[in-house]
Amino acid sequence: MTRWEPGARERLNGAALELYARKGFEETTVAEISQAAGLTERTFFRYFADKREVLFAGSELLEQQFVDGAAAAPNDATPIEVVRSAVGASAVFFPDERREYSRLRATIIDANPPLQERELRKMSTLAAALTTALRARGIPESVATLAAQSGVTVFRVSFAQWIAPGSTRPMAHIQRDVFAELGALTGATTAH
């Protein structure tokens, strides 16, 4: 088995997703993932704490992108404008070439209740980080929480539309439209 070949993380990730999709998440072992990637189990554990982490690695980068997007909003931005900036910053993580991977990942998560719970915790952590970023801008707690939760909901709705069968629209365009729908629903206007 190859130990230090470049691209080990990507090979492990690809092998894991293929096995999860074919055999099921619970039925797939780390040994099988490692073997399919042509690597050792020890190499697997250099990159991932466990087999769930294959699906959730990088969550902290998405969270940081949200926080950085909130920080990049103008000082006089309204809470929803700050959230729009935060959510919009996440679009860089979802280029067209990542769509099929994201569809497969979502299918695997949707088929496994513990993974669904983990995904919900990820969204909750994202909302908490965004709430903290809004509070740091002096936005009151209840408004910050409501705005952050709304932003995460827009993100989730946009993501679901982005990975829907036949979808080809860029994530940023979908996010813009979902924010407009939120504005229409609440009677609020949101800047484009």
C-alpha atoms as a PDB file:
ATOM      1  CA  MET A   1       0.000   0.000   0.000  1.00  0.00           C
ATOM      2  CA  THR A   2       1.158   3.520  -0.762  1.00  0.00           C
ATOM      3  CA  ARG A   3       1.877   5.548   2.350  1.00  0.00           C
ATOM      4  CA  TRP A   4       2.889   9.080   1.362  1.00  0.00           C
ATOM      5  CA  GLU A   5       1.446   9.466  -2.109  1.00  0.00           C
ATOM      6  CA  PRO A   6      -0.009  12.923  -2.842  1.00  0.00           C
ATOM      7  CA  GLY A   7      -3.777  13.233  -2.796  1.00  0.00           C
ATOM      8  CA  ALA A   8      -4.294  10.710   0.005  1.00  0.00           C
ATOM      9  CA  ARG A   9      -7.068  12.737   1.641  1.00  0.00           C
ATOM     10  CA  GLU A  10      -8.966  13.103  -1.635  1.00  0.00           C
ATOM     11  CA  ARG A  11      -8.540   9.406  -2.442  1.00  0.00           C
ATOM     12  CA  LEU A  12      -9.809   8.413   0.993  1.00  0.00           C
ATOM     13  CA  ASN A  13     -12.723  10.802   0.639  1.00  0.00           C
ATOM     14  CA  GLY A  14     -13.656   9.466  -2.802  1.00  0.00           C
ATOM     15  CA  ALA A  15     -13.337   5.835  -1.730  1.00  0.00           C
ATOM     16  CA  ALA A  16     -15.438   6.448   1.378  1.00  0.00           C
ATOM     17  CA  LEU A  17     -18.259   8.163  -0.495  1.00  0.00           C
ATOM     18  CA  GLU A  18     -18.353   5.439  -3.140  1.00  0.00           C
ATOM     19  CA  LEU A  19     -18.514   2.734  -0.463  1.00  0.00           C
ATOM     20  CA  TYR A  20     -21.070   4.598   1.657  1.00  0.00           C
ATOM     21  CA  ALA A  21     -23.284   5.007  -1.391  1.00  0.00           C
ATOM     22  CA  ARG A  22     -22.914   1.384  -2.490  1.00  0.00           C
ATOM     23  CA  LYS A  23     -22.848  -0.486   0.829  1.00  0.00           C
ATOM     24  CA  GLY A  24     -24.293   2.010   3.286  1.00  0.00           C
ATOM     25  CA  PHE A  25     -22.531   4.103   5.881  1.00  0.00           C
ATOM     26  CA  GLU A  26     -22.919   1.686   8.797  1.00  0.00           C
ATOM     27  CA  GLU A  27     -21.790  -1.307   6.750  1.00  0.00           C
ATOM     28  CA  THR A  28     -18.579   0.350   5.517  1.00  0.00           C
ATOM     29  CA  THR A  29     -15.420  -0.039   7.590  1.00  0.00           C
ATOM     30  CA  VAL A  30     -12.338   2.154   7.794  1.00  0.00           C
ATOM     31  CA  ALA A  31     -10.313  -0.851   6.619  1.00  0.00           C
ATOM     32  CA  GLU A  32     -12.435  -1.069   3.445  1.00  0.00           C
ATOM     33  CA  ILE A  33     -12.101   2.652   2.791  1.00  0.00           C
ATOM     34  CA  SER A  34      -8.338   2.515   3.251  1.00  0.00           C
ATOM     35  CA  GLN A  35      -7.995  -0.539   1.030  1.00  0.00           C
ATOM     36  CA  ALA A  36     -10.160   0.996  -1.711  1.00  0.00           C
ATOM     37  CA  ALA A  37      -7.963   4.115  -1.619  1.00  0.00           C
ATOM     38  CA  GLY A  38      -4.793   2.021  -1.706  1.00  0.00           C
ATOM     39  CA  LEU A  39      -3.704   3.323   1.690  1.00  0.00           C
ATOM     40  CA  THR A  40      -3.359   2.047   5.244  1.00  0.00           C
ATOM     41  CA  GLU A  41      -5.806   2.518   8.104  1.00  0.00           C
ATOM     42  CA  ARG A  42      -3.093   4.472   9.867  1.00  0.00           C
ATOM     43  CA  THR A  43      -3.074   6.916   6.948  1.00  0.00           C
ATOM     44  CA  PHE A  44      -6.851   7.186   7.167  1.00  0.00           C
ATOM     45  CA  PHE A  45      -6.590   8.238  10.812  1.00  0.00           C
ATOM     46  CA  ARG A  46      -4.012  10.887   9.952  1.00  0.00           C
ATOM     47  CA  TYR A  47      -6.712  12.681   8.006  1.00  0.00           C
ATOM     48  CA  PHE A  48      -9.959  11.711   9.736  1.00  0.00           C
ATOM     49  CA  ALA A  49     -10.820  10.999  13.378  1.00  0.00           C
ATOM     50  CA  ASP A  50     -13.455   8.479  12.308  1.00  0.00           C
ATOM     51  CA  LYS A  51     -15.488   7.528   9.261  1.00  0.00           C
ATOM     52  CA  ARG A  52     -18.112  10.232   9.948  1.00  0.00           C
ATOM     53  CA  GLU A  53     -15.452  12.912   9.612  1.00  0.00           C
ATOM     54  CA  VAL A  54     -15.099  12.086   5.917  1.00  0.00           C
ATOM     55  CA  LEU A  55     -18.549  13.642   5.506  1.00  0.00           C
ATOM     56  CA  PHE A  56     -18.064  16.535   7.909  1.00  0.00           C
ATOM     57  CA  ALA A  57     -14.427  17.553   7.494  1.00  0.00           C
ATOM     58  CA  GLY A  58     -14.225  21.188   6.484  1.00  0.00           C
ATOM     59  CA  SER A  59     -17.236  22.318   8.507  1.00  0.00           C
ATOM     60  CA  GLU A  60     -15.003  24.713  10.403  1.00  0.00           C
ATOM     61  CA  LEU A  61     -13.935  26.313   7.104  1.00  0.00           C
ATOM     62  CA  LEU A  62     -17.570  26.927   6.148  1.00  0.00           C
ATOM     63  CA  GLU A  63     -18.210  28.419   9.574  1.00  0.00           C
ATOM     64  CA  GLN A  64     -15.202  30.708   9.212  1.00  0.00           C
ATOM     65  CA  GLN A  65     -16.428  31.799   5.780  1.00  0.00           C
ATOM     66  CA  PHE A  66     -19.769  32.792   7.341  1.00  0.00           C
ATOM     67  CA  VAL A  67     -18.010  34.733  10.114  1.00  0.00           C
ATOM     68  CA  ASP A  68     -15.661  36.432   7.643  1.00  0.00           C
ATOM     69  CA  GLY A  69     -18.612  37.304   5.406  1.00  0.00           C
ATOM     70  CA  ALA A  70     -20.402  38.905   8.355  1.00  0.00           C
ATOM     71  CA  ALA A  71     -17.276  40.879   9.242  1.00  0.00           C
ATOM     72  CA  ALA A  72     -16.982  42.102   5.644  1.00  0.00           C
ATOM     73  CA  ALA A  73     -20.440  43.718   5.713  1.00  0.00           C
ATOM     74  CA  PRO A  74     -20.412  47.538   5.900  1.00  0.00           C
ATOM     75  CA  ASN A  75     -20.521  49.017   9.404  1.00  0.00           C
ATOM     76  CA  ASP A  76     -23.964  50.511   8.780  1.00  0.00           C
ATOM     77  CA  ALA A  77     -25.469  47.270   7.424  1.00  0.00           C
ATOM     78  CA  THR A  78     -28.745  46.055   8.893  1.00  0.00           C
ATOM     79  CA  PRO A  79     -28.742  42.663  10.622  1.00  0.00           C
ATOM     80  CA  ILE A  80     -30.245  40.937   7.579  1.00  0.00           C
ATOM     81  CA  GLU A  81     -27.679  42.617   5.306  1.00  0.00           C
ATOM     82  CA  VAL A  82     -24.904  41.281   7.531  1.00  0.00           C
ATOM     83  CA  VAL A  83     -26.462  37.828   7.303  1.00  0.00           C
ATOM     84  CA  ARG A  84     -26.783  38.152   3.534  1.00  0.00           C
ATOM     85  CA  SER A  85     -23.073  38.967   3.388  1.00  0.00           C
ATOM     86  CA  ALA A  86     -22.259  35.963   5.594  1.00  0.00           C
ATOM     87  CA  VAL A  87     -24.370  33.502   3.621  1.00  0.00           C
ATOM     88  CA  GLY A  88     -23.192  34.941   0.308  1.00  0.00           C
ATOM     89  CA  ALA A  89     -19.568  34.397   1.326  1.00  0.00           C
ATOM     90  CA  SER A  90     -20.275  30.663   1.609  1.00  0.00           C
ATOM     91  CA  ALA A  91     -21.021  30.370  -2.125  1.00  0.00           C
ATOM     92  CA  VAL A  92     -17.294  29.982  -2.832  1.00  0.00           C
ATOM     93  CA  PHE A  93     -17.493  26.516  -1.242  1.00  0.00           C
ATOM     94  CA  PHE A  94     -20.055  25.389  -3.795  1.00  0.00           C
ATOM     95  CA  PRO A  95     -18.665  25.694  -7.318  1.00  0.00           C
ATOM     96  CA  ASP A  96     -20.398  23.739 -10.069  1.00  0.00           C
ATOM     97  CA  GLU A  97     -17.749  21.010 -10.037  1.00  0.00           C
ATOM     98  CA  ARG A  98     -18.628  20.208  -6.392  1.00  0.00           C
ATOM     99  CA  ARG A  99     -22.350  19.710  -7.062  1.00  0.00           C
ATOM    100  CA  GLU A 100     -22.243  15.942  -7.766  1.00  0.00           C
ATOM    101  CA  TYR A 101     -20.095  15.317  -4.694  1.00  0.00           C
ATOM    102  CA  SER A 102     -22.564  17.362  -2.601  1.00  0.00           C
ATOM    103  CA  ARG A 103     -25.533  15.455  -4.020  1.00  0.00           C
ATOM    104  CA  LEU A 104     -23.931  12.133  -3.132  1.00  0.00           C
ATOM    105  CA  ARG A 105     -22.977  13.362   0.344  1.00  0.00           C
ATOM    106  CA  ALA A 106     -26.541  14.541   0.982  1.00  0.00           C
ATOM    107  CA  THR A 107     -27.959  11.188  -0.157  1.00  0.00           C
ATOM    108  CA  ILE A 108     -25.669   9.351   2.268  1.00  0.00           C
ATOM    109  CA  ILE A 109     -26.594  11.655   5.153  1.00  0.00           C
ATOM    110  CA  ASP A 110     -30.320  11.464   4.361  1.00  0.00           C
ATOM    111  CA  ALA A 111     -30.170   7.656   4.588  1.00  0.00           C
ATOM    112  CA  ASN A 112     -28.689   7.631   8.094  1.00  0.00           C
ATOM    113  CA  PRO A 113     -30.465   9.246  11.109  1.00  0.00           C
ATOM    114  CA  PRO A 114     -27.277   9.678  13.205  1.00  0.00           C
ATOM    115  CA  LEU A 115     -25.655  11.478  10.269  1.00  0.00           C
ATOM    116  CA  GLN A 116     -28.775  13.642   9.898  1.00  0.00           C
ATOM    117  CA  GLU A 117     -28.409  14.570  13.557  1.00  0.00           C
ATOM    118  CA  ARG A 118     -24.750  15.440  12.995  1.00  0.00           C
ATOM    119  CA  GLU A 119     -25.712  17.639  10.028  1.00  0.00           C
ATOM    120  CA  LEU A 120     -28.274  19.448  12.194  1.00  0.00           C
ATOM    121  CA  ARG A 121     -25.620  20.017  14.868  1.00  0.00           C
ATOM    122  CA  LYS A 122     -23.357  21.455  12.172  1.00  0.00           C
ATOM    123  CA  MET A 123     -26.122  23.903  11.199  1.00  0.00           C
ATOM    124  CA  SER A 124     -26.710  24.779  14.853  1.00  0.00           C
ATOM    125  CA  THR A 125     -23.002  25.499  15.311  1.00  0.00           C
ATOM    126  CA  LEU A 126     -23.068  27.638  12.180  1.00  0.00           C
ATOM    127  CA  ALA A 127     -26.027  29.632  13.539  1.00  0.00           C
ATOM    128  CA  ALA A 128     -24.297  30.099  16.905  1.00  0.00           C
ATOM    129  CA  ALA A 129     -21.127  31.393  15.227  1.00  0.00           C
ATOM    130  CA  LEU A 130     -23.171  33.794  13.104  1.00  0.00           C
ATOM    131  CA  THR A 131     -25.113  34.964  16.162  1.00  0.00           C
ATOM    132  CA  THR A 132     -21.812  35.672  17.916  1.00  0.00           C
ATOM    133  CA  ALA A 133     -20.570  37.627  14.885  1.00  0.00           C
ATOM    134  CA  LEU A 134     -23.760  39.692  14.870  1.00  0.00           C
ATOM    135  CA  ARG A 135     -23.531  40.327  18.622  1.00  0.00           C
ATOM    136  CA  ALA A 136     -19.945  41.516  18.121  1.00  0.00           C
ATOM    137  CA  ARG A 137     -21.382  44.191  15.831  1.00  0.00           C
ATOM    138  CA  GLY A 138     -23.606  45.404  18.693  1.00  0.00           C
ATOM    139  CA  ILE A 139     -26.792  43.746  17.475  1.00  0.00           C
ATOM    140  CA  PRO A 140     -29.096  42.780  20.381  1.00  0.00           C
ATOM    141  CA  GLU A 141     -29.229  39.075  21.281  1.00  0.00           C
ATOM    142  CA  SER A 142     -32.776  38.329  20.119  1.00  0.00           C
ATOM    143  CA  VAL A 143     -32.311  40.127  16.799  1.00  0.00           C
ATOM    144  CA  ALA A 144     -28.908  38.497  16.288  1.00  0.00           C
ATOM    145  CA  THR A 145     -30.342  35.042  16.984  1.00  0.00           C
ATOM    146  CA  LEU A 146     -33.347  35.554  14.720  1.00  0.00           C
ATOM    147  CA  ALA A 147     -31.220  36.934  11.901  1.00  0.00           C
ATOM    148  CA  ALA A 148     -28.612  34.156  12.218  1.00  0.00           C
ATOM    149  CA  GLN A 149     -31.233  31.403  12.290  1.00  0.00           C
ATOM    150  CA  SER A 150     -32.912  32.970   9.254  1.00  0.00           C
ATOM    151  CA  GLY A 151     -29.573  33.064   7.454  1.00  0.00           C
ATOM    152  CA  VAL A 152     -28.878  29.397   8.152  1.00  0.00           C
ATOM    153  CA  THR A 153     -32.370  28.557   6.923  1.00  0.00           C
ATOM    154  CA  VAL A 154     -31.703  30.483   3.705  1.00  0.00           C
ATOM    155  CA  PHE A 155     -28.426  28.578   3.376  1.00  0.00           C
ATOM    156  CA  ARG A 156     -30.147  25.203   3.868  1.00  0.00           C
ATOM    157  CA  VAL A 157     -32.976  25.989   1.425  1.00  0.00           C
ATOM    158  CA  SER A 158     -30.464  27.278  -1.126  1.00  0.00           C
ATOM    159  CA  PHE A 159     -28.271  24.204  -0.730  1.00  0.00           C
ATOM    160  CA  ALA A 160     -31.256  21.883  -1.215  1.00  0.00           C
ATOM    161  CA  GLN A 161     -32.149  23.714  -4.426  1.00  0.00           C
ATOM    162  CA  TRP A 162     -28.519  23.674  -5.587  1.00  0.00           C
ATOM    163  CA  ILE A 163     -28.235  19.881  -5.255  1.00  0.00           C
ATOM    164  CA  ALA A 164     -31.736  19.136  -6.583  1.00  0.00           C
ATOM    165  CA  PRO A 165     -31.776  16.825  -9.615  1.00  0.00           C
ATOM    166  CA  GLY A 166     -31.295  18.826 -12.787  1.00  0.00           C
ATOM    167  CA  SER A 167     -30.206  21.978 -10.957  1.00  0.00           C
ATOM    168  CA  THR A 168     -27.473  23.909 -12.751  1.00  0.00           C
ATOM    169  CA  ARG A 169     -27.827  27.414 -11.279  1.00  0.00           C
ATOM    170  CA  PRO A 170     -24.881  28.815  -9.307  1.00  0.00           C
ATOM    171  CA  MET A 171     -25.258  28.789  -5.540  1.00  0.00           C
ATOM    172  CA  ALA A 172     -24.921  32.591  -5.317  1.00  0.00           C
ATOM    173  CA  HIS A 173     -27.912  33.074  -7.655  1.00  0.00           C
ATOM    174  CA  ILE A 174     -30.027  30.633  -5.680  1.00  0.00           C
ATOM    175  CA  GLN A 175     -29.100  32.342  -2.405  1.00  0.00           C
ATOM    176  CA  ARG A 176     -30.074  35.732  -3.846  1.00  0.00           C
ATOM    177  CA  ASP A 177     -33.478  34.390  -4.876  1.00  0.00           C
ATOM    178  CA  VAL A 178     -34.114  32.663  -1.551  1.00  0.00           C
ATOM    179  CA  PHE A 179     -33.273  35.876   0.329  1.00  0.00           C
ATOM    180  CA  ALA A 180     -35.773  37.670  -1.935  1.00  0.00           C
ATOM    181  CA  GLU A 181     -38.386  35.030  -1.073  1.00  0.00           C
ATOM    182  CA  LEU A 182     -37.668  35.547   2.631  1.00  0.00           C
ATOM    183  CA  GLY A 183     -38.063  39.283   2.177  1.00  0.00           C
ATOM    184  CA  ALA A 184     -41.373  38.810   0.350  1.00  0.00           C
ATOM    185  CA  LEU A 185     -42.567  36.416   3.042  1.00  0.00           C
ATOM    186  CA  THR A 186     -41.803  38.833   5.866  1.00  0.00           C
ATOM    187  CA  GLY A 187     -42.740  41.969   3.939  1.00  0.00           C
ATOM    188  CA  ALA A 188     -39.185  43.203   4.394  1.00  0.00           C
ATOM    189  CA  THR A 189     -36.942  44.449   1.668  1.00  0.00           C
ATOM    190  CA  THR A 190     -33.435  43.147   1.378  1.00  0.00           C
ATOM    191  CA  ALA A 191     -30.716  44.775  -0.653  1.00  0.00           C
ATOM    192  CA  HIS A 192     -29.359  42.865  -3.630  1.00  0.00           C
END
